[in-house]
Amino acid sequence: ISIDGKIENWFGENVRERFESYNWNVI
């Protein structure tokens, strides 16, 4: 959720894969 409502309409990336690509450990 953000101010305008459900973020699925403007934030759709796979956060896990994004941070794994940065060479982060994701839990």
PDB file of all heavy atoms in Angstrom:
ATOM      1  N   ILE A   1       0.843  -1.197   0.000  1.00  0.00           N
ATOM      2  CA  ILE A   1       0.000   0.000   0.000  1.00  0.00           C
ATOM      3  C   ILE A   1       0.882   1.253   0.000  1.00  0.00           C
ATOM      4  O   ILE A   1       1.869   1.334   0.730  1.00  0.00           O
ATOM      5  CB  ILE A   1      -0.915   0.036   1.240  1.00  0.00           C
ATOM      6  CG1 ILE A   1      -1.915  -1.123   1.222  1.00  0.00           C
ATOM      7  CG2 ILE A   1      -1.655   1.367   1.328  1.00  0.00           C
ATOM      8  CD1 ILE A   1      -2.971  -1.033   0.145  1.00  0.00           C
ATOM      9  N   SER A   2       0.527   2.225  -0.819  1.00  0.00           N
ATOM     10  CA  SER A   2       1.117   3.558  -0.711  1.00  0.00           C
ATOM     11  C   SER A   2      -0.025   4.581  -0.701  1.00  0.00           C
ATOM     12  O   SER A   2      -1.197   4.206  -0.637  1.00  0.00           O
ATOM     13  CB  SER A   2       2.116   3.828  -1.850  1.00  0.00           C
ATOM     14  OG  SER A   2       1.472   3.841  -3.109  1.00  0.00           O
ATOM     15  N   ILE A   3       0.289   5.843  -0.763  1.00  0.00           N
ATOM     16  CA  ILE A   3      -0.734   6.871  -0.568  1.00  0.00           C
ATOM     17  C   ILE A   3      -1.901   6.711  -1.546  1.00  0.00           C
ATOM     18  O   ILE A   3      -3.063   6.888  -1.179  1.00  0.00           O
ATOM     19  CB  ILE A   3      -0.111   8.279  -0.710  1.00  0.00           C
ATOM     20  CG1 ILE A   3       0.879   8.539   0.432  1.00  0.00           C
ATOM     21  CG2 ILE A   3      -1.194   9.354  -0.699  1.00  0.00           C
ATOM     22  CD1 ILE A   3       1.641   9.837   0.299  1.00  0.00           C
ATOM     23  N   ASP A   4      -1.577   6.371  -2.789  1.00  0.00           N
ATOM     24  CA  ASP A   4      -2.630   6.297  -3.811  1.00  0.00           C
ATOM     25  C   ASP A   4      -3.404   4.985  -3.808  1.00  0.00           C
ATOM     26  O   ASP A   4      -4.354   4.829  -4.578  1.00  0.00           O
ATOM     27  CB  ASP A   4      -2.021   6.523  -5.202  1.00  0.00           C
ATOM     28  CG  ASP A   4      -1.756   7.998  -5.482  1.00  0.00           C
ATOM     29  OD1 ASP A   4      -2.168   8.840  -4.659  1.00  0.00           O
ATOM     30  OD2 ASP A   4      -1.142   8.302  -6.519  1.00  0.00           O
ATOM     31  N   GLY A   5      -2.993   4.024  -2.987  1.00  0.00           N
ATOM     32  CA  GLY A   5      -3.730   2.765  -2.924  1.00  0.00           C
ATOM     33  C   GLY A   5      -2.837   1.550  -3.073  1.00  0.00           C
ATOM     34  O   GLY A   5      -1.680   1.561  -2.656  1.00  0.00           O
ATOM     35  N   LYS A   6      -3.381   0.502  -3.684  1.00  0.00           N
ATOM     36  CA  LYS A   6      -2.624  -0.742  -3.863  1.00  0.00           C
ATOM     37  C   LYS A   6      -1.534  -0.536  -4.910  1.00  0.00           C
ATOM     38  O   LYS A   6      -1.808  -0.129  -6.037  1.00  0.00           O
ATOM     39  CB  LYS A   6      -3.556  -1.874  -4.280  1.00  0.00           C
ATOM     40  CG  LYS A   6      -4.562  -2.264  -3.203  1.00  0.00           C
ATOM     41  CD  LYS A   6      -5.421  -3.449  -3.648  1.00  0.00           C
ATOM     42  CE  LYS A   6      -6.386  -3.864  -2.540  1.00  0.00           C
ATOM     43  NZ  LYS A   6      -7.243  -5.007  -2.946  1.00  0.00           N
ATOM     44  N   ILE A   7      -0.301  -0.868  -4.517  1.00  0.00           N
ATOM     45  CA  ILE A   7       0.843  -0.544  -5.374  1.00  0.00           C
ATOM     46  C   ILE A   7       0.979  -1.466  -6.577  1.00  0.00           C
ATOM     47  O   ILE A   7       1.799  -1.207  -7.456  1.00  0.00           O
ATOM     48  CB  ILE A   7       2.160  -0.579  -4.565  1.00  0.00           C
ATOM     49  CG1 ILE A   7       2.432  -1.999  -4.029  1.00  0.00           C
ATOM     50  CG2 ILE A   7       2.134   0.434  -3.447  1.00  0.00           C
ATOM     51  CD1 ILE A   7       3.799  -2.149  -3.407  1.00  0.00           C
ATOM     52  N   GLU A   8       0.170  -2.517  -6.648  1.00  0.00           N
ATOM     53  CA  GLU A   8       0.300  -3.462  -7.753  1.00  0.00           C
ATOM     54  C   GLU A   8       0.111  -2.778  -9.104  1.00  0.00           C
ATOM     55  O   GLU A   8       0.551  -3.299 -10.139  1.00  0.00           O
ATOM     56  CB  GLU A   8      -0.714  -4.593  -7.592  1.00  0.00           C
ATOM     57  CG  GLU A   8      -2.154  -4.128  -7.599  1.00  0.00           C
ATOM     58  CD  GLU A   8      -3.135  -5.196  -7.143  1.00  0.00           C
ATOM     59  OE1 GLU A   8      -2.729  -6.109  -6.397  1.00  0.00           O
ATOM     60  OE2 GLU A   8      -4.311  -5.111  -7.536  1.00  0.00           O
ATOM     61  N   ASN A   9      -0.516  -1.614  -9.108  1.00  0.00           N
ATOM     62  CA  ASN A   9      -0.742  -0.892 -10.355  1.00  0.00           C
ATOM     63  C   ASN A   9       0.440  -0.023 -10.771  1.00  0.00           C
ATOM     64  O   ASN A   9       0.448   0.504 -11.882  1.00  0.00           O
ATOM     65  CB  ASN A   9      -1.993  -0.013 -10.224  1.00  0.00           C
ATOM     66  CG  ASN A   9      -3.247  -0.833 -10.017  1.00  0.00           C
ATOM     67  OD1 ASN A   9      -3.557  -1.709 -10.811  1.00  0.00           O
ATOM     68  ND2 ASN A   9      -3.972  -0.562  -8.934  1.00  0.00           N
ATOM     69  N   TRP A  10       1.439   0.156  -9.881  1.00  0.00           N
ATOM     70  CA  TRP A  10       2.592   0.984 -10.244  1.00  0.00           C
ATOM     71  C   TRP A  10       3.915   0.467  -9.667  1.00  0.00           C
ATOM     72  O   TRP A  10       4.944   1.108  -9.824  1.00  0.00           O
ATOM     73  CB  TRP A  10       2.378   2.436  -9.809  1.00  0.00           C
ATOM     74  CG  TRP A  10       1.908   2.606  -8.387  1.00  0.00           C
ATOM     75  CD1 TRP A  10       2.664   2.653  -7.262  1.00  0.00           C
ATOM     76  CD2 TRP A  10       0.547   2.761  -7.958  1.00  0.00           C
ATOM     77  NE1 TRP A  10       1.877   2.811  -6.149  1.00  0.00           N
ATOM     78  CE2 TRP A  10       0.574   2.891  -6.545  1.00  0.00           C
ATOM     79  CE3 TRP A  10      -0.678   2.811  -8.615  1.00  0.00           C
ATOM     80  CZ2 TRP A  10      -0.593   3.056  -5.789  1.00  0.00           C
ATOM     81  CZ3 TRP A  10      -1.832   2.972  -7.858  1.00  0.00           C
ATOM     82  CH2 TRP A  10      -1.790   3.102  -6.474  1.00  0.00           C
ATOM     83  N   PHE A  11       3.890  -0.692  -9.036  1.00  0.00           N
ATOM     84  CA  PHE A  11       5.138  -1.264  -8.495  1.00  0.00           C
ATOM     85  C   PHE A  11       5.032  -2.771  -8.629  1.00  0.00           C
ATOM     86  O   PHE A  11       4.457  -3.439  -7.775  1.00  0.00           O
ATOM     87  CB  PHE A  11       5.309  -0.850  -7.029  1.00  0.00           C
ATOM     88  CG  PHE A  11       6.632  -1.256  -6.411  1.00  0.00           C
ATOM     89  CD1 PHE A  11       7.832  -0.821  -6.943  1.00  0.00           C
ATOM     90  CD2 PHE A  11       6.668  -2.062  -5.287  1.00  0.00           C
ATOM     91  CE1 PHE A  11       9.050  -1.183  -6.367  1.00  0.00           C
ATOM     92  CE2 PHE A  11       7.867  -2.431  -4.697  1.00  0.00           C
ATOM     93  CZ  PHE A  11       9.061  -1.991  -5.247  1.00  0.00           C
ATOM     94  N   GLY A  12       5.583  -3.294  -9.715  1.00  0.00           N
ATOM     95  CA  GLY A  12       5.349  -4.700 -10.014  1.00  0.00           C
ATOM     96  C   GLY A  12       6.570  -5.577 -10.094  1.00  0.00           C
ATOM     97  O   GLY A  12       6.462  -6.755 -10.440  1.00  0.00           O
ATOM     98  N   GLU A  13       7.760  -5.027  -9.765  1.00  0.00           N
ATOM     99  CA  GLU A  13       8.945  -5.866  -9.923  1.00  0.00           C
ATOM    100  C   GLU A  13       9.033  -6.950  -8.852  1.00  0.00           C
ATOM    101  O   GLU A  13       8.428  -6.841  -7.784  1.00  0.00           O
ATOM    102  CB  GLU A  13      10.227  -5.026  -9.891  1.00  0.00           C
ATOM    103  CG  GLU A  13      10.542  -4.371  -8.563  1.00  0.00           C
ATOM    104  CD  GLU A  13      10.588  -2.874  -8.703  1.00  0.00           C
ATOM    105  OE1 GLU A  13       9.677  -2.318  -9.358  1.00  0.00           O
ATOM    106  OE2 GLU A  13      11.532  -2.264  -8.159  1.00  0.00           O
ATOM    107  N   ASN A  14       9.816  -7.962  -9.134  1.00  0.00           N
ATOM    108  CA  ASN A  14      10.106  -9.023  -8.180  1.00  0.00           C
ATOM    109  C   ASN A  14      11.243  -8.532  -7.284  1.00  0.00           C
ATOM    110  O   ASN A  14      12.403  -8.505  -7.703  1.00  0.00           O
ATOM    111  CB  ASN A  14      10.499 -10.304  -8.921  1.00  0.00           C
ATOM    112  CG  ASN A  14      10.682 -11.490  -7.987  1.00  0.00           C
ATOM    113  OD1 ASN A  14      11.298 -11.375  -6.928  1.00  0.00           O
ATOM    114  ND2 ASN A  14      10.145 -12.631  -8.380  1.00  0.00           N
ATOM    115  N   VAL A  15      10.904  -8.105  -6.078  1.00  0.00           N
ATOM    116  CA  VAL A  15      11.889  -7.486  -5.186  1.00  0.00           C
ATOM    117  C   VAL A  15      12.987  -8.477  -4.824  1.00  0.00           C
ATOM    118  O   VAL A  15      14.172  -8.127  -4.761  1.00  0.00           O
ATOM    119  CB  VAL A  15      11.207  -6.923  -3.925  1.00  0.00           C
ATOM    120  CG1 VAL A  15      12.244  -6.454  -2.902  1.00  0.00           C
ATOM    121  CG2 VAL A  15      10.284  -5.767  -4.295  1.00  0.00           C
ATOM    122  N   ARG A  16      12.628  -9.734  -4.598  1.00  0.00           N
ATOM    123  CA  ARG A  16      13.631 -10.742  -4.276  1.00  0.00           C
ATOM    124  C   ARG A  16      14.670 -10.839  -5.383  1.00  0.00           C
ATOM    125  O   ARG A  16      15.886 -10.764  -5.125  1.00  0.00           O
ATOM    126  CB  ARG A  16      12.978 -12.104  -4.043  1.00  0.00           C
ATOM    127  CG  ARG A  16      13.992 -13.259  -4.023  1.00  0.00           C
ATOM    128  CD  ARG A  16      13.364 -14.605  -3.748  1.00  0.00           C
ATOM    129  NE  ARG A  16      13.158 -14.787  -2.323  1.00  0.00           N
ATOM    130  CZ  ARG A  16      14.096 -15.190  -1.468  1.00  0.00           C
ATOM    131  NH1 ARG A  16      15.326 -15.444  -1.892  1.00  0.00           N
ATOM    132  NH2 ARG A  16      13.832 -15.329  -0.195  1.00  0.00           N
ATOM    133  N   GLU A  17      14.224 -11.006  -6.601  1.00  0.00           N
ATOM    134  CA  GLU A  17      15.166 -11.162  -7.717  1.00  0.00           C
ATOM    135  C   GLU A  17      15.968  -9.888  -7.940  1.00  0.00           C
ATOM    136  O   GLU A  17      17.148  -9.943  -8.293  1.00  0.00           O
ATOM    137  CB  GLU A  17      14.416 -11.567  -8.978  1.00  0.00           C
ATOM    138  CG  GLU A  17      13.812 -12.969  -8.888  1.00  0.00           C
ATOM    139  CD  GLU A  17      13.077 -13.371 -10.150  1.00  0.00           C
ATOM    140  OE1 GLU A  17      13.008 -12.551 -11.098  1.00  0.00           O
ATOM    141  OE2 GLU A  17      12.567 -14.507 -10.197  1.00  0.00           O
ATOM    142  N   ARG A  18      15.322  -8.752  -7.722  1.00  0.00           N
ATOM    143  CA  ARG A  18      16.038  -7.478  -7.857  1.00  0.00           C
ATOM    144  C   ARG A  18      17.219  -7.418  -6.901  1.00  0.00           C
ATOM    145  O   ARG A  18      18.339  -7.096  -7.299  1.00  0.00           O
ATOM    146  CB  ARG A  18      15.063  -6.326  -7.597  1.00  0.00           C
ATOM    147  CG  ARG A  18      15.711  -4.954  -7.480  1.00  0.00           C
ATOM    148  CD  ARG A  18      14.663  -3.892  -7.141  1.00  0.00           C
ATOM    149  NE  ARG A  18      15.273  -2.658  -6.686  1.00  0.00           N
ATOM    150  CZ  ARG A  18      14.592  -1.592  -6.267  1.00  0.00           C
ATOM    151  NH1 ARG A  18      13.264  -1.636  -6.239  1.00  0.00           N
ATOM    152  NH2 ARG A  18      15.219  -0.500  -5.858  1.00  0.00           N
ATOM    153  N   PHE A  19      16.986  -7.750  -5.632  1.00  0.00           N
ATOM    154  CA  PHE A  19      18.063  -7.645  -4.643  1.00  0.00           C
ATOM    155  C   PHE A  19      19.074  -8.784  -4.781  1.00  0.00           C
ATOM    156  O   PHE A  19      20.260  -8.594  -4.504  1.00  0.00           O
ATOM    157  CB  PHE A  19      17.483  -7.546  -3.232  1.00  0.00           C
ATOM    158  CG  PHE A  19      17.150  -6.135  -2.857  1.00  0.00           C
ATOM    159  CD1 PHE A  19      15.983  -5.532  -3.314  1.00  0.00           C
ATOM    160  CD2 PHE A  19      18.014  -5.381  -2.082  1.00  0.00           C
ATOM    161  CE1 PHE A  19      15.678  -4.212  -3.003  1.00  0.00           C
ATOM    162  CE2 PHE A  19      17.727  -4.066  -1.754  1.00  0.00           C
ATOM    163  CZ  PHE A  19      16.549  -3.467  -2.220  1.00  0.00           C
ATOM    164  N   GLU A  20      18.635  -9.928  -5.204  1.00  0.00           N
ATOM    165  CA  GLU A  20      19.595 -11.003  -5.476  1.00  0.00           C
ATOM    166  C   GLU A  20      20.525 -10.603  -6.610  1.00  0.00           C
ATOM    167  O   GLU A  20      21.721 -10.939  -6.588  1.00  0.00           O
ATOM    168  CB  GLU A  20      18.856 -12.300  -5.795  1.00  0.00           C
ATOM    169  CG  GLU A  20      18.220 -12.949  -4.571  1.00  0.00           C
ATOM    170  CD  GLU A  20      17.416 -14.198  -4.902  1.00  0.00           C
ATOM    171  OE1 GLU A  20      17.058 -14.381  -6.089  1.00  0.00           O
ATOM    172  OE2 GLU A  20      17.140 -14.988  -3.967  1.00  0.00           O
ATOM    173  N   SER A  21      20.005  -9.869  -7.590  1.00  0.00           N
ATOM    174  CA  SER A  21      20.858  -9.411  -8.690  1.00  0.00           C
ATOM    175  C   SER A  21      21.862  -8.368  -8.230  1.00  0.00           C
ATOM    176  O   SER A  21      22.903  -8.168  -8.861  1.00  0.00           O
ATOM    177  CB  SER A  21      20.010  -8.853  -9.836  1.00  0.00           C
ATOM    178  OG  SER A  21      19.495  -7.569  -9.526  1.00  0.00           O
ATOM    179  N   TYR A  22      21.558  -7.672  -7.125  1.00  0.00           N
ATOM    180  CA  TYR A  22      22.509  -6.740  -6.518  1.00  0.00           C
ATOM    181  C   TYR A  22      23.584  -7.470  -5.700  1.00  0.00           C
ATOM    182  O   TYR A  22      24.458  -6.835  -5.116  1.00  0.00           O
ATOM    183  CB  TYR A  22      21.800  -5.794  -5.543  1.00  0.00           C
ATOM    184  CG  TYR A  22      20.817  -4.813  -6.104  1.00  0.00           C
ATOM    185  CD1 TYR A  22      19.765  -4.368  -5.302  1.00  0.00           C
ATOM    186  CD2 TYR A  22      20.934  -4.294  -7.385  1.00  0.00           C
ATOM    187  CE1 TYR A  22      18.850  -3.443  -5.764  1.00  0.00           C
ATOM    188  CE2 TYR A  22      20.019  -3.374  -7.866  1.00  0.00           C
ATOM    189  CZ  TYR A  22      18.968  -2.948  -7.054  1.00  0.00           C
ATOM    190  OH  TYR A  22      18.064  -2.030  -7.510  1.00  0.00           O
ATOM    191  N   ASN A  23      23.477  -8.764  -5.590  1.00  0.00           N
ATOM    192  CA  ASN A  23      24.357  -9.582  -4.745  1.00  0.00           C
ATOM    193  C   ASN A  23      24.046  -9.396  -3.260  1.00  0.00           C
ATOM    194  O   ASN A  23      24.931  -9.350  -2.417  1.00  0.00           O
ATOM    195  CB  ASN A  23      25.840  -9.310  -5.014  1.00  0.00           C
ATOM    196  CG  ASN A  23      26.735 -10.417  -4.484  1.00  0.00           C
ATOM    197  OD1 ASN A  23      26.378 -11.593  -4.520  1.00  0.00           O
ATOM    198  ND2 ASN A  23      27.910 -10.050  -3.992  1.00  0.00           N
ATOM    199  N   TRP A  24      22.749  -9.302  -2.961  1.00  0.00           N
ATOM    200  CA  TRP A  24      22.278  -9.283  -1.581  1.00  0.00           C
ATOM    201  C   TRP A  24      21.775 -10.670  -1.194  1.00  0.00           C
ATOM    202  O   TRP A  24      21.366 -11.470  -2.028  1.00  0.00           O
ATOM    203  CB  TRP A  24      21.118  -8.300  -1.426  1.00  0.00           C
ATOM    204  CG  TRP A  24      21.498  -6.859  -1.307  1.00  0.00           C
ATOM    205  CD1 TRP A  24      22.278  -6.138  -2.160  1.00  0.00           C
ATOM    206  CD2 TRP A  24      21.078  -5.942  -0.284  1.00  0.00           C
ATOM    207  NE1 TRP A  24      22.374  -4.835  -1.748  1.00  0.00           N
ATOM    208  CE2 TRP A  24      21.647  -4.686  -0.591  1.00  0.00           C
ATOM    209  CE3 TRP A  24      20.271  -6.056   0.849  1.00  0.00           C
ATOM    210  CZ2 TRP A  24      21.438  -3.556   0.209  1.00  0.00           C
ATOM    211  CZ3 TRP A  24      20.072  -4.936   1.636  1.00  0.00           C
ATOM    212  CH2 TRP A  24      20.644  -3.694   1.323  1.00  0.00           C
ATOM    213  N   ASN A  25      21.807 -10.924   0.100  1.00  0.00           N
ATOM    214  CA  ASN A  25      21.128 -12.068   0.678  1.00  0.00           C
ATOM    215  C   ASN A  25      19.681 -11.638   0.929  1.00  0.00           C
ATOM    216  O   ASN A  25      19.441 -10.587   1.511  1.00  0.00           O
ATOM    217  CB  ASN A  25      21.825 -12.446   1.992  1.00  0.00           C
ATOM    218  CG  ASN A  25      21.077 -13.476   2.798  1.00  0.00           C
ATOM    219  OD1 ASN A  25      20.564 -14.438   2.241  1.00  0.00           O
ATOM    220  ND2 ASN A  25      21.008 -13.278   4.107  1.00  0.00           N
ATOM    221  N   VAL A  26      18.724 -12.415   0.476  1.00  0.00           N
ATOM    222  CA  VAL A  26      17.315 -12.065   0.656  1.00  0.00           C
ATOM    223  C   VAL A  26      16.632 -13.153   1.474  1.00  0.00           C
ATOM    224  O   VAL A  26      16.730 -14.341   1.153  1.00  0.00           O
ATOM    225  CB  VAL A  26      16.592 -11.888  -0.689  1.00  0.00           C
ATOM    226  CG1 VAL A  26      15.133 -11.474  -0.454  1.00  0.00           C
ATOM    227  CG2 VAL A  26      17.297 -10.838  -1.548  1.00  0.00           C
ATOM    228  N   ILE A  27      15.960 -12.738   2.527  1.00  0.00           N
ATOM    229  CA  ILE A  27      15.212 -13.656   3.392  1.00  0.00           C
ATOM    230  C   ILE A  27      13.727 -13.310   3.287  1.00  0.00           C
ATOM    231  O   ILE A  27      13.344 -12.154   3.394  1.00  0.00           O
ATOM    232  CB  ILE A  27      15.680 -13.540   4.856  1.00  0.00           C
ATOM    233  CG1 ILE A  27      17.153 -13.915   4.990  1.00  0.00           C
ATOM    234  CG2 ILE A  27      14.819 -14.404   5.775  1.00  0.00           C
ATOM    235  CD1 ILE A  27      17.728 -13.671   6.371  1.00  0.00           C
TER     236      ILE A  27
END
